[in-house]
């Protein structure tokens, strides 16, 4: 029974991390599109404004992770926290790879 619970926790950690990473990736993608519109329209005022709001988006990511840690503390005990991190990496990585594929399609 203990192995079953560990397996369930591992899968849950991977799924929750994946959802958080995917949502963060989608948020970043939306910001990138908005920045491209600003740049194309000439409304981007300086090079320092390349990704406005990025600190706010990272703060949101950290608050979501803190909220998950408070609501589901068992996902952050032992080595399970690394599975959550892996899920975040996979979720965000999926959006990143998707962007790279779109750029490759448009270049050809």
N, C-alpha and C. Protein backbone atom coordinates (compact mmCIF):
# COMPACT_ATOMS: atom_id res chain seq x y z
N UNK A 1 0.82 -1.20 0.00
CA UNK A 1 0.00 0.00 0.00
C UNK A 1 0.86 1.26 0.00
N UNK A 2 2.01 1.23 0.67
CA UNK A 2 2.89 2.36 0.73
C UNK A 2 3.44 2.71 -0.65
N UNK A 3 3.77 1.69 -1.44
CA UNK A 3 4.26 1.91 -2.80
C UNK A 3 3.18 2.54 -3.66
N UNK A 4 1.94 2.12 -3.48
CA UNK A 4 0.83 2.69 -4.23
C UNK A 4 0.68 4.19 -3.93
N UNK A 5 0.78 4.56 -2.67
CA UNK A 5 0.65 5.96 -2.28
C UNK A 5 1.82 6.77 -2.85
N UNK A 6 3.02 6.22 -2.80
CA UNK A 6 4.17 6.91 -3.36
C UNK A 6 4.02 7.11 -4.87
N UNK A 7 3.53 6.08 -5.55
CA UNK A 7 3.30 6.19 -6.98
C UNK A 7 2.25 7.24 -7.28
N UNK A 8 1.19 7.25 -6.51
CA UNK A 8 0.13 8.23 -6.68
C UNK A 8 0.64 9.66 -6.44
N UNK A 9 1.45 9.82 -5.40
CA UNK A 9 2.06 11.13 -5.12
C UNK A 9 3.00 11.57 -6.25
N UNK A 10 3.76 10.64 -6.78
CA UNK A 10 4.68 10.96 -7.86
C UNK A 10 3.92 11.42 -9.10
N UNK A 11 2.88 10.68 -9.46
CA UNK A 11 2.07 11.05 -10.62
C UNK A 11 1.37 12.39 -10.38
N UNK A 12 0.83 12.57 -9.18
CA UNK A 12 0.17 13.83 -8.85
C UNK A 12 1.13 15.00 -8.90
N UNK A 13 2.35 14.81 -8.39
CA UNK A 13 3.36 15.87 -8.42
C UNK A 13 3.74 16.23 -9.84
N UNK A 14 3.89 15.21 -10.69
CA UNK A 14 4.23 15.46 -12.09
C UNK A 14 3.11 16.20 -12.81
N UNK A 15 1.88 15.80 -12.56
CA UNK A 15 0.74 16.45 -13.21
C UNK A 15 0.59 17.89 -12.73
N UNK A 16 0.64 18.10 -11.42
CA UNK A 16 0.49 19.47 -10.89
C UNK A 16 1.63 20.36 -11.39
N UNK A 17 2.84 19.86 -11.35
CA UNK A 17 3.97 20.63 -11.87
C UNK A 17 3.82 20.91 -13.35
N UNK A 18 3.36 19.92 -14.10
CA UNK A 18 3.15 20.10 -15.53
C UNK A 18 2.11 21.17 -15.84
N UNK A 19 1.03 21.17 -15.07
CA UNK A 19 -0.02 22.18 -15.27
C UNK A 19 0.52 23.57 -14.95
N UNK A 20 1.25 23.70 -13.86
CA UNK A 20 1.82 25.00 -13.50
C UNK A 20 2.81 25.47 -14.57
N UNK A 21 3.68 24.58 -15.03
CA UNK A 21 4.63 24.94 -16.07
C UNK A 21 3.95 25.30 -17.38
N UNK A 22 2.91 24.55 -17.73
CA UNK A 22 2.17 24.83 -18.96
C UNK A 22 1.48 26.19 -18.88
N UNK A 23 0.83 26.47 -17.76
CA UNK A 23 0.16 27.76 -17.61
C UNK A 23 1.15 28.91 -17.64
N UNK A 24 2.30 28.74 -16.99
CA UNK A 24 3.33 29.77 -17.03
C UNK A 24 3.85 29.96 -18.45
N UNK A 25 4.05 28.87 -19.16
CA UNK A 25 4.50 28.96 -20.55
C UNK A 25 3.49 29.67 -21.43
N UNK A 26 2.20 29.38 -21.23
CA UNK A 26 1.17 30.05 -22.01
C UNK A 26 1.11 31.53 -21.68
N UNK A 27 1.30 31.87 -20.41
CA UNK A 27 1.34 33.27 -20.00
C UNK A 27 2.52 33.99 -20.65
N UNK A 28 3.66 33.36 -20.68
CA UNK A 28 4.84 33.94 -21.32
C UNK A 28 4.64 34.08 -22.83
N UNK A 29 4.00 33.09 -23.45
CA UNK A 29 3.73 33.14 -24.89
C UNK A 29 2.81 34.31 -25.22
N UNK A 30 1.78 34.49 -24.41
CA UNK A 30 0.87 35.61 -24.63
C UNK A 30 1.61 36.95 -24.50
N UNK A 31 2.49 37.05 -23.52
CA UNK A 31 3.26 38.28 -23.34
C UNK A 31 4.19 38.51 -24.53
N UNK A 32 4.77 37.44 -25.05
CA UNK A 32 5.66 37.57 -26.21
C UNK A 32 4.89 38.06 -27.42
N UNK A 33 3.68 37.54 -27.62
CA UNK A 33 2.85 37.99 -28.74
C UNK A 33 2.50 39.47 -28.60
N UNK A 34 2.15 39.86 -27.39
CA UNK A 34 1.80 41.26 -27.14
C UNK A 34 3.01 42.16 -27.38
N UNK A 35 4.19 41.71 -26.96
CA UNK A 35 5.41 42.48 -27.20
C UNK A 35 5.71 42.60 -28.68
N UNK A 36 5.47 41.52 -29.42
CA UNK A 36 5.70 41.56 -30.87
C UNK A 36 4.79 42.59 -31.52
N UNK A 37 3.54 42.64 -31.07
CA UNK A 37 2.61 43.64 -31.60
C UNK A 37 3.11 45.05 -31.31
N UNK A 38 3.57 45.27 -30.07
CA UNK A 38 4.10 46.59 -29.71
C UNK A 38 5.32 46.94 -30.56
N UNK A 39 6.19 45.99 -30.76
CA UNK A 39 7.40 46.21 -31.53
C UNK A 39 7.06 46.50 -32.99
N UNK A 40 6.14 45.72 -33.55
CA UNK A 40 5.76 45.91 -34.95
C UNK A 40 5.05 47.24 -35.18
N UNK A 41 4.31 47.70 -34.19
CA UNK A 41 3.59 48.96 -34.34
C UNK A 41 4.46 50.18 -34.01
N UNK A 42 5.67 49.95 -33.51
CA UNK A 42 6.58 51.04 -33.17
C UNK A 42 6.32 51.66 -31.81
N UNK A 43 5.51 51.01 -31.00
CA UNK A 43 5.17 51.55 -29.67
C UNK A 43 6.13 51.10 -28.58
N UNK A 44 7.09 50.26 -28.94
CA UNK A 44 8.09 49.81 -27.97
C UNK A 44 9.10 50.93 -27.81
N UNK A 45 9.16 51.52 -26.61
CA UNK A 45 9.91 52.75 -26.40
C UNK A 45 11.41 52.55 -26.27
N UNK A 46 11.84 51.45 -25.67
CA UNK A 46 13.27 51.25 -25.49
C UNK A 46 13.59 49.76 -25.44
N UNK A 47 14.87 49.47 -25.53
CA UNK A 47 15.32 48.08 -25.45
C UNK A 47 15.09 47.46 -24.09
N UNK A 48 14.96 48.31 -23.06
CA UNK A 48 14.71 47.80 -21.71
C UNK A 48 13.29 47.28 -21.57
N UNK A 49 12.44 47.63 -22.50
CA UNK A 49 11.03 47.21 -22.42
C UNK A 49 10.75 45.99 -23.28
N UNK A 50 11.78 45.17 -23.52
CA UNK A 50 11.61 44.02 -24.40
C UNK A 50 10.56 43.06 -23.87
N UNK A 51 10.56 42.76 -22.60
CA UNK A 51 9.54 41.89 -22.01
C UNK A 51 8.97 42.54 -20.76
N UNK A 52 8.15 43.58 -20.92
CA UNK A 52 7.59 44.22 -19.73
C UNK A 52 6.69 43.26 -18.96
N UNK A 53 6.76 43.37 -17.66
CA UNK A 53 5.91 42.54 -16.81
C UNK A 53 6.49 41.18 -16.49
N UNK A 54 7.72 40.89 -16.92
CA UNK A 54 8.27 39.55 -16.69
C UNK A 54 8.50 39.29 -15.21
N UNK A 55 8.87 40.32 -14.45
CA UNK A 55 9.03 40.12 -13.01
C UNK A 55 7.68 39.78 -12.37
N UNK A 56 6.63 40.42 -12.83
CA UNK A 56 5.29 40.13 -12.32
C UNK A 56 4.86 38.70 -12.62
N UNK A 57 5.18 38.23 -13.83
CA UNK A 57 4.81 36.85 -14.19
C UNK A 57 5.59 35.84 -13.36
N UNK A 58 6.85 36.14 -13.11
CA UNK A 58 7.66 35.24 -12.26
C UNK A 58 7.13 35.27 -10.83
N UNK A 59 6.72 36.42 -10.36
CA UNK A 59 6.14 36.52 -9.02
C UNK A 59 4.86 35.70 -8.93
N UNK A 60 4.06 35.71 -9.99
CA UNK A 60 2.83 34.89 -10.02
C UNK A 60 3.20 33.42 -9.95
N UNK A 61 4.22 33.01 -10.71
CA UNK A 61 4.66 31.61 -10.68
C UNK A 61 5.08 31.21 -9.27
N UNK A 62 5.86 32.05 -8.61
CA UNK A 62 6.32 31.74 -7.26
C UNK A 62 5.16 31.71 -6.26
N UNK A 63 4.19 32.61 -6.43
CA UNK A 63 3.02 32.59 -5.53
C UNK A 63 2.19 31.33 -5.73
N UNK A 64 2.05 30.89 -6.98
CA UNK A 64 1.30 29.65 -7.24
C UNK A 64 2.02 28.47 -6.61
N UNK A 65 3.34 28.42 -6.75
CA UNK A 65 4.10 27.33 -6.14
C UNK A 65 3.99 27.37 -4.61
N UNK A 66 4.02 28.56 -4.03
CA UNK A 66 3.86 28.67 -2.57
C UNK A 66 2.47 28.23 -2.14
N UNK A 67 1.46 28.60 -2.93
CA UNK A 67 0.09 28.19 -2.63
C UNK A 67 -0.06 26.67 -2.69
N UNK A 68 0.54 26.07 -3.72
CA UNK A 68 0.51 24.60 -3.82
C UNK A 68 1.22 23.98 -2.63
N UNK A 69 2.34 24.57 -2.24
CA UNK A 69 3.10 24.02 -1.11
C UNK A 69 2.29 24.10 0.18
N UNK A 70 1.49 25.14 0.35
CA UNK A 70 0.66 25.28 1.55
C UNK A 70 -0.54 24.34 1.47
N UNK A 71 -1.18 24.27 0.29
CA UNK A 71 -2.39 23.46 0.15
C UNK A 71 -2.09 21.96 0.08
N UNK A 72 -0.99 21.58 -0.56
CA UNK A 72 -0.65 20.17 -0.71
C UNK A 72 0.80 19.97 -0.26
N UNK A 73 1.05 20.07 1.04
CA UNK A 73 2.44 20.01 1.52
C UNK A 73 3.13 18.68 1.27
N UNK A 74 2.36 17.61 1.09
CA UNK A 74 2.99 16.31 0.88
C UNK A 74 3.75 16.24 -0.45
N UNK A 75 3.48 17.18 -1.38
CA UNK A 75 4.20 17.19 -2.65
C UNK A 75 5.57 17.84 -2.52
N UNK A 76 5.87 18.37 -1.36
CA UNK A 76 7.14 19.06 -1.18
C UNK A 76 7.96 18.44 -0.05
N UNK A 77 7.72 17.18 0.22
CA UNK A 77 8.50 16.46 1.23
C UNK A 77 9.33 15.39 0.54
N UNK A 78 10.51 15.22 1.04
CA UNK A 78 11.39 14.20 0.46
C UNK A 78 11.82 14.58 -0.95
N UNK A 79 11.86 13.59 -1.80
CA UNK A 79 12.30 13.82 -3.18
C UNK A 79 11.16 14.15 -4.13
N UNK A 80 9.95 14.18 -3.64
CA UNK A 80 8.79 14.47 -4.49
C UNK A 80 8.88 15.89 -5.05
N UNK A 81 9.49 16.81 -4.31
CA UNK A 81 9.61 18.20 -4.80
C UNK A 81 10.34 18.26 -6.13
N UNK A 82 11.27 17.33 -6.36
CA UNK A 82 11.99 17.31 -7.63
C UNK A 82 11.08 16.85 -8.77
N UNK A 83 10.11 16.03 -8.44
CA UNK A 83 9.14 15.59 -9.45
C UNK A 83 8.25 16.78 -9.85
N UNK A 84 7.86 17.61 -8.87
CA UNK A 84 7.10 18.83 -9.17
C UNK A 84 7.94 19.72 -10.09
N UNK A 85 9.20 19.87 -9.78
CA UNK A 85 10.10 20.69 -10.62
C UNK A 85 10.22 20.11 -12.02
N UNK A 86 10.31 18.80 -12.12
CA UNK A 86 10.38 18.14 -13.42
C UNK A 86 9.09 18.41 -14.20
N UNK A 87 7.95 18.34 -13.53
CA UNK A 87 6.68 18.64 -14.19
C UNK A 87 6.64 20.06 -14.72
N UNK A 88 7.13 21.01 -13.92
CA UNK A 88 7.18 22.41 -14.36
C UNK A 88 8.08 22.53 -15.58
N UNK A 89 9.22 21.88 -15.54
CA UNK A 89 10.14 21.91 -16.67
C UNK A 89 9.49 21.32 -17.92
N UNK A 90 8.80 20.21 -17.78
CA UNK A 90 8.15 19.59 -18.93
C UNK A 90 7.01 20.44 -19.47
N UNK A 91 6.21 21.01 -18.58
CA UNK A 91 5.10 21.86 -19.01
C UNK A 91 5.58 23.10 -19.73
N UNK A 92 6.55 23.79 -19.16
CA UNK A 92 7.09 24.99 -19.78
C UNK A 92 7.87 24.62 -21.04
N UNK A 93 8.61 23.54 -20.97
CA UNK A 93 9.38 23.09 -22.14
C UNK A 93 8.50 22.76 -23.32
N UNK A 94 7.32 22.21 -23.06
CA UNK A 94 6.40 21.88 -24.14
C UNK A 94 5.99 23.14 -24.89
N UNK A 95 5.66 24.22 -24.17
CA UNK A 95 5.28 25.47 -24.83
C UNK A 95 6.47 26.05 -25.59
N UNK A 96 7.67 25.91 -25.05
CA UNK A 96 8.86 26.43 -25.70
C UNK A 96 9.14 25.68 -27.00
N UNK A 97 9.05 24.36 -26.96
CA UNK A 97 9.28 23.54 -28.16
C UNK A 97 8.22 23.85 -29.21
N UNK A 98 7.00 24.05 -28.77
CA UNK A 98 5.92 24.40 -29.69
C UNK A 98 6.22 25.72 -30.39
N UNK A 99 6.74 26.71 -29.66
CA UNK A 99 7.12 27.99 -30.26
C UNK A 99 8.24 27.80 -31.27
N UNK A 100 9.23 26.98 -30.93
CA UNK A 100 10.34 26.74 -31.85
C UNK A 100 9.86 26.09 -33.13
N UNK A 101 8.93 25.15 -33.02
CA UNK A 101 8.39 24.50 -34.21
C UNK A 101 7.62 25.50 -35.07
N UNK A 102 6.86 26.39 -34.46
CA UNK A 102 6.12 27.40 -35.22
C UNK A 102 7.08 28.33 -35.95
N UNK A 103 8.14 28.73 -35.29
CA UNK A 103 9.12 29.61 -35.93
C UNK A 103 9.79 28.91 -37.10
N UNK A 104 10.08 27.62 -36.95
CA UNK A 104 10.70 26.86 -38.04
C UNK A 104 9.74 26.74 -39.22
N UNK A 105 8.47 26.57 -38.96
CA UNK A 105 7.47 26.46 -40.03
C UNK A 105 7.37 27.78 -40.79
N UNK A 106 7.35 28.89 -40.07
CA UNK A 106 7.22 30.19 -40.72
C UNK A 106 8.46 30.60 -41.49
N UNK A 107 9.63 30.12 -41.08
CA UNK A 107 10.86 30.45 -41.79
C UNK A 107 10.92 29.74 -43.13
N UNK A 108 10.38 28.53 -43.20
CA UNK A 108 10.45 27.74 -44.45
C UNK A 108 9.37 28.06 -45.37
